[in-house]
N, C-alpha and C. Protein backbone atom coordinates (compact mmCIF):
# COMPACT_ATOMS: atom_id res chain seq x y z
N UNK A 1 1.79 13.30 10.99
CA UNK A 1 0.45 13.46 10.01
C UNK A 1 0.29 12.17 9.88
N UNK A 2 -0.87 11.73 10.42
CA UNK A 2 -1.31 10.32 10.06
C UNK A 2 -2.15 10.51 8.72
N UNK A 3 -1.96 9.61 7.64
CA UNK A 3 -2.80 9.77 6.59
C UNK A 3 -3.77 8.37 6.19
N UNK A 4 -3.57 7.47 7.06
CA UNK A 4 -4.39 6.16 6.83
C UNK A 4 -5.99 6.45 7.28
N UNK A 5 -6.72 6.32 6.31
CA UNK A 5 -7.98 6.48 6.60
C UNK A 5 -8.57 7.80 5.65
N UNK A 6 -7.77 8.43 4.82
CA UNK A 6 -8.32 9.48 4.10
C UNK A 6 -8.12 9.08 2.87
N UNK A 7 -9.05 10.14 1.92
CA UNK A 7 -9.21 9.73 0.83
C UNK A 7 -7.84 9.89 -0.03
N UNK A 8 -7.60 9.11 -1.15
CA UNK A 8 -6.43 9.24 -1.79
C UNK A 8 -5.96 10.52 -2.57
N UNK A 9 -6.92 10.94 -2.93
CA UNK A 9 -6.47 12.31 -3.51
C UNK A 9 -6.07 13.32 -2.48
N UNK A 10 -6.33 13.13 -1.19
CA UNK A 10 -5.83 14.15 0.01
C UNK A 10 -4.42 13.76 0.10
N UNK A 11 -4.14 12.51 -0.05
CA UNK A 11 -2.56 12.35 0.18
C UNK A 11 -1.32 12.59 -0.72
N UNK A 12 -2.01 12.45 -2.29
CA UNK A 12 -0.97 12.78 -3.51
C UNK A 12 -2.04 13.07 -4.42
N UNK A 13 -1.64 14.11 -5.21
CA UNK A 13 -2.39 14.39 -6.36
C UNK A 13 -1.84 13.78 -7.57
N UNK A 14 -0.97 12.86 -7.29
CA UNK A 14 -0.37 12.08 -8.54
C UNK A 14 -0.90 10.69 -8.52
N UNK A 15 -1.41 10.15 -7.67
CA UNK A 15 -1.97 8.77 -7.52
C UNK A 15 -3.11 8.89 -8.50
N UNK A 16 -3.87 9.51 -8.39
CA UNK A 16 -5.15 9.25 -9.56
C UNK A 16 -4.70 9.12 -11.13
N UNK A 17 -4.01 10.34 -11.44
CA UNK A 17 -3.59 10.32 -12.99
C UNK A 17 -2.71 8.87 -13.34
N UNK A 18 -1.94 8.42 -12.34
CA UNK A 18 -0.86 7.29 -12.75
C UNK A 18 -1.52 6.17 -12.49
N UNK A 19 -2.41 6.12 -11.76
CA UNK A 19 -3.37 4.80 -11.86
C UNK A 19 -4.37 4.69 -13.44
N UNK A 20 -4.67 5.81 -13.38
CA UNK A 20 -5.50 6.05 -14.74
C UNK A 20 -4.80 5.70 -15.67
N UNK A 21 -3.78 5.98 -16.00
CA UNK A 21 -2.55 5.51 -16.93
C UNK A 21 -2.54 3.88 -17.38
N UNK A 22 -2.79 3.18 -16.16
CA UNK A 22 -2.94 1.68 -16.45
C UNK A 22 -4.26 1.15 -16.10
N UNK A 23 -5.31 2.24 -16.51
CA UNK A 23 -6.35 1.90 -16.66
C UNK A 23 -7.06 1.32 -15.33
N UNK A 24 -6.98 1.99 -14.34
CA UNK A 24 -7.39 1.74 -12.77
C UNK A 24 -8.03 3.26 -12.27
N UNK A 25 -9.27 2.94 -11.91
CA UNK A 25 -9.79 4.54 -11.35
C UNK A 25 -9.60 4.38 -9.78
N UNK A 26 -8.87 5.34 -9.41
CA UNK A 26 -8.69 5.17 -7.58
C UNK A 26 -9.38 6.46 -6.98
N UNK A 27 -10.07 7.13 -7.99
CA UNK A 27 -10.47 8.54 -7.79
C UNK A 27 -11.40 8.69 -6.46
N UNK A 28 -12.29 7.66 -6.24
CA UNK A 28 -13.03 7.46 -5.34
C UNK A 28 -12.50 6.67 -3.97
N UNK A 29 -11.65 6.09 -4.10
CA UNK A 29 -11.00 5.05 -2.99
C UNK A 29 -10.66 5.79 -1.85
N UNK A 30 -10.98 5.02 -0.76
CA UNK A 30 -10.43 5.75 0.47
C UNK A 30 -9.66 4.63 1.21
N UNK A 31 -8.43 4.82 1.65
CA UNK A 31 -7.91 3.92 2.37
C UNK A 31 -8.64 3.83 3.70
N UNK A 32 -8.44 2.37 4.33
CA UNK A 32 -9.04 2.01 5.32
C UNK A 32 -8.12 1.55 6.53
N UNK A 33 -8.28 1.99 7.89
CA UNK A 33 -7.26 1.70 8.76
C UNK A 33 -7.61 0.15 9.13
N UNK A 34 -6.65 -0.79 9.21
CA UNK A 34 -6.61 -1.86 9.43
C UNK A 34 -7.09 -2.20 10.95
N UNK A 35 -8.26 -3.10 10.92
CA UNK A 35 -8.43 -3.40 12.54
C UNK A 35 -8.00 -4.86 12.73
N UNK A 36 -7.86 -5.15 14.18
CA UNK A 36 -7.42 -6.65 14.47
C UNK A 36 -8.26 -7.37 13.94
N UNK A 37 -9.65 -7.09 13.76
CA UNK A 37 -10.67 -8.12 13.33
C UNK A 37 -10.02 -8.59 11.89
N UNK A 38 -9.81 -7.36 10.91
CA UNK A 38 -9.39 -7.76 9.47
C UNK A 38 -8.21 -8.55 9.56
N UNK A 39 -7.22 -8.25 10.45
CA UNK A 39 -5.92 -9.14 10.41
C UNK A 39 -5.96 -10.62 10.88
N UNK A 40 -7.14 -10.77 11.96
CA UNK A 40 -7.37 -12.18 12.28
C UNK A 40 -7.88 -12.97 11.14
N UNK A 41 -8.85 -12.33 10.24
CA UNK A 41 -9.64 -13.14 9.06
C UNK A 41 -8.70 -13.10 8.04
N UNK A 42 -7.43 -12.37 7.91
CA UNK A 42 -6.84 -12.43 6.82
C UNK A 42 -6.10 -13.66 6.48
N UNK A 43 -5.39 -13.98 5.24
CA UNK A 43 -4.19 -15.02 5.26
C UNK A 43 -2.91 -14.36 5.61
N UNK A 44 -2.97 -13.19 4.62
CA UNK A 44 -1.70 -12.35 4.71
C UNK A 44 -2.19 -10.84 4.58
N UNK A 45 -1.22 -9.98 5.19
CA UNK A 45 -1.63 -8.56 5.12
C UNK A 45 -0.25 -7.93 4.89
N UNK A 46 -0.19 -7.20 3.65
CA UNK A 46 0.98 -6.54 3.13
C UNK A 46 0.68 -4.99 3.31
N UNK A 47 1.95 -4.32 4.11
CA UNK A 47 1.82 -2.98 4.49
C UNK A 47 2.59 -2.22 3.65
N UNK A 48 2.19 -1.13 3.42
CA UNK A 48 3.26 -0.39 2.52
C UNK A 48 3.32 0.98 3.25
N UNK A 49 2.49 1.33 4.60
CA UNK A 49 2.56 2.53 5.01
C UNK A 49 3.95 2.52 5.93
N UNK A 50 4.29 3.65 6.39
CA UNK A 50 5.41 3.73 7.24
C UNK A 50 5.17 3.03 8.48
N UNK A 51 5.87 2.61 8.85
CA UNK A 51 5.76 1.62 9.98
C UNK A 51 5.23 2.42 11.47
N UNK A 52 5.99 3.66 11.45
CA UNK A 52 5.44 4.31 12.59
C UNK A 52 3.86 4.93 12.77
N UNK A 53 3.37 4.84 11.39
CA UNK A 53 2.04 5.15 11.52
C UNK A 53 1.13 3.91 11.55
N UNK A 54 1.58 2.78 11.89
CA UNK A 54 0.65 1.55 11.91
C UNK A 54 0.60 1.48 13.59
N UNK A 55 -0.76 0.67 13.57
CA UNK A 55 -1.31 0.26 15.08
C UNK A 55 -0.21 -0.76 15.57
N UNK A 56 0.13 -0.95 16.61
CA UNK A 56 1.07 -1.89 17.39
C UNK A 56 0.72 -3.24 17.15
N UNK A 57 -0.63 -3.62 17.18
CA UNK A 57 -0.96 -5.01 17.11
C UNK A 57 -0.61 -5.84 15.58
N UNK A 58 -0.06 -4.76 14.61
CA UNK A 58 0.23 -5.18 13.15
C UNK A 58 1.61 -5.82 13.43
N UNK A 59 2.60 -5.41 14.31
CA UNK A 59 3.84 -6.04 14.57
C UNK A 59 4.04 -7.42 15.24
N UNK A 60 2.91 -7.67 15.84
CA UNK A 60 3.14 -8.92 16.59
C UNK A 60 2.41 -10.31 15.62
N UNK A 61 1.80 -9.96 14.64
CA UNK A 61 1.15 -10.85 13.64
C UNK A 61 2.01 -11.77 12.78
N UNK A 62 2.18 -12.66 12.69
CA UNK A 62 3.05 -13.40 11.75
C UNK A 62 2.35 -13.30 10.18
N UNK A 63 0.99 -12.78 10.27
CA UNK A 63 0.56 -12.55 8.78
C UNK A 63 0.55 -11.24 8.10
N UNK A 64 1.46 -10.41 8.84
CA UNK A 64 1.85 -9.13 8.25
C UNK A 64 3.24 -8.97 7.84
N UNK A 65 3.14 -8.43 6.38
CA UNK A 65 4.58 -8.35 5.79
C UNK A 65 4.80 -6.83 5.55
N UNK A 66 5.64 -5.98 6.05
CA UNK A 66 6.20 -4.79 5.69
C UNK A 66 7.16 -4.68 4.36
N UNK A 67 6.06 -3.96 3.06
CA UNK A 67 7.26 -3.71 2.33
C UNK A 67 7.76 -2.48 2.29
N UNK A 68 9.08 -2.41 2.19
CA UNK A 68 9.95 -0.99 2.28
C UNK A 68 9.60 -0.37 0.87
N UNK A 69 8.62 0.60 0.53
CA UNK A 69 8.08 1.18 -0.45
C UNK A 69 8.34 2.75 0.00
N UNK A 70 9.08 3.23 -0.93
CA UNK A 70 9.12 4.92 -0.82
C UNK A 70 8.13 5.54 -0.83
N UNK A 71 7.85 6.47 0.00
CA UNK A 71 6.75 7.38 0.15
C UNK A 71 6.76 8.43 -0.84
N UNK A 72 5.85 8.62 -2.01
CA UNK A 72 6.01 9.25 -3.07
C UNK A 72 5.29 10.78 -2.85
N UNK A 73 4.78 11.01 -1.76
CA UNK A 73 3.66 12.10 -1.30
C UNK A 73 4.33 13.21 -1.77
N UNK A 74 5.47 13.54 -1.40
CA UNK A 74 6.00 15.01 -1.81
C UNK A 74 6.78 15.02 -3.06
N UNK A 75 6.81 13.94 -3.89
CA UNK A 75 7.57 13.87 -5.11
C UNK A 75 6.27 14.29 -6.38
N UNK A 76 7.03 14.10 -7.36
CA UNK A 76 6.36 14.65 -8.62
C UNK A 76 5.51 13.23 -9.33
N UNK A 77 4.89 13.46 -10.53
CA UNK A 77 4.56 12.28 -11.10
C UNK A 77 5.28 11.24 -11.45
N UNK A 78 6.79 11.32 -11.69
CA UNK A 78 7.35 10.24 -12.13
C UNK A 78 7.85 9.61 -10.89
N UNK A 79 8.03 10.18 -9.61
CA UNK A 79 8.14 9.48 -8.30
C UNK A 79 6.88 8.44 -8.31
N UNK A 80 5.84 8.99 -8.54
CA UNK A 80 4.67 8.14 -8.50
C UNK A 80 4.77 6.66 -9.58
N UNK A 81 5.26 6.98 -10.48
CA UNK A 81 5.46 5.91 -11.50
C UNK A 81 6.79 5.08 -10.94
N UNK A 82 7.45 5.49 -10.52
CA UNK A 82 8.73 4.77 -10.02
C UNK A 82 8.06 3.65 -8.68
N UNK A 83 7.34 4.52 -7.87
CA UNK A 83 6.67 3.47 -6.78
C UNK A 83 5.85 2.50 -7.35
N UNK A 84 5.08 2.52 -8.43
CA UNK A 84 4.06 1.66 -9.00
C UNK A 84 5.11 0.70 -9.45
N UNK A 85 6.16 1.22 -10.30
CA UNK A 85 6.87 -0.02 -10.53
C UNK A 85 7.45 -1.00 -9.49
N UNK A 86 7.79 -0.20 -8.52
CA UNK A 86 8.38 -1.10 -7.27
C UNK A 86 6.99 -1.89 -6.67
N UNK A 87 6.12 -1.28 -6.59
CA UNK A 87 5.16 -2.14 -6.14
C UNK A 87 4.64 -3.55 -7.10
N UNK A 88 4.95 -3.20 -8.18
CA UNK A 88 4.40 -4.42 -9.20
C UNK A 88 5.56 -5.17 -9.16
N UNK A 89 6.87 -5.04 -8.82
CA UNK A 89 8.06 -5.77 -8.54
C UNK A 89 7.60 -6.93 -7.39
N UNK A 90 7.22 -6.12 -6.34
CA UNK A 90 6.83 -6.87 -5.19
C UNK A 90 5.68 -7.69 -5.32
N UNK A 91 4.67 -7.20 -5.87
CA UNK A 91 3.74 -8.31 -6.10
C UNK A 91 4.10 -9.56 -6.87
N UNK A 92 5.03 -9.13 -8.12
CA UNK A 92 5.51 -10.50 -9.03
C UNK A 92 6.29 -11.42 -8.04
N UNK A 93 6.95 -11.07 -7.15
CA UNK A 93 7.76 -11.77 -6.23
C UNK A 93 6.69 -12.37 -5.31
N UNK A 94 6.08 -11.83 -4.70
CA UNK A 94 4.92 -12.60 -3.85
C UNK A 94 4.29 -13.76 -4.68
N UNK A 95 3.69 -13.11 -5.64
CA UNK A 95 3.12 -14.47 -6.59
C UNK A 95 3.96 -15.92 -6.64
N UNK A 96 5.23 -15.44 -7.27
CA UNK A 96 6.22 -16.35 -7.33
C UNK A 96 6.16 -17.32 -5.79
N UNK A 97 6.31 -16.81 -4.72
CA UNK A 97 6.30 -17.23 -3.47
C UNK A 97 5.18 -18.20 -3.15
N UNK A 98 4.08 -17.62 -3.72
CA UNK A 98 2.76 -18.28 -3.20
C UNK A 98 3.05 -19.47 -4.28
N UNK A 99 3.35 -19.22 -5.46
CA UNK A 99 3.22 -20.67 -6.47
C UNK A 99 4.26 -21.68 -6.21
N UNK A 100 5.31 -21.01 -5.64
CA UNK A 100 6.40 -22.15 -5.15
C UNK A 100 5.76 -23.13 -4.03
N UNK A 101 4.80 -22.55 -3.22
CA UNK A 101 4.30 -23.63 -2.17
C UNK A 101 3.47 -24.58 -2.59
């Protein structure tokens, strides 16, 4: 089942309330399929989707980084909170790497 390019609420019912807990409204967000043009124009692409659901051209770009984030789609609200915490940790590390340059 490919879920890239669908409304967030179609992929998991707990994303919206968990993000609202931290003051972010994603209720109308739609994930977008990355195009080759987007990749070529970006400095860095961070992918949190399952690799087997990603287009092949992402694997050959040195700009692309895959973060191994658990898919909480079939879990409960606590699973969503854990994933959010994990994403925040990755972001903090990424910022440290950028600042170190």
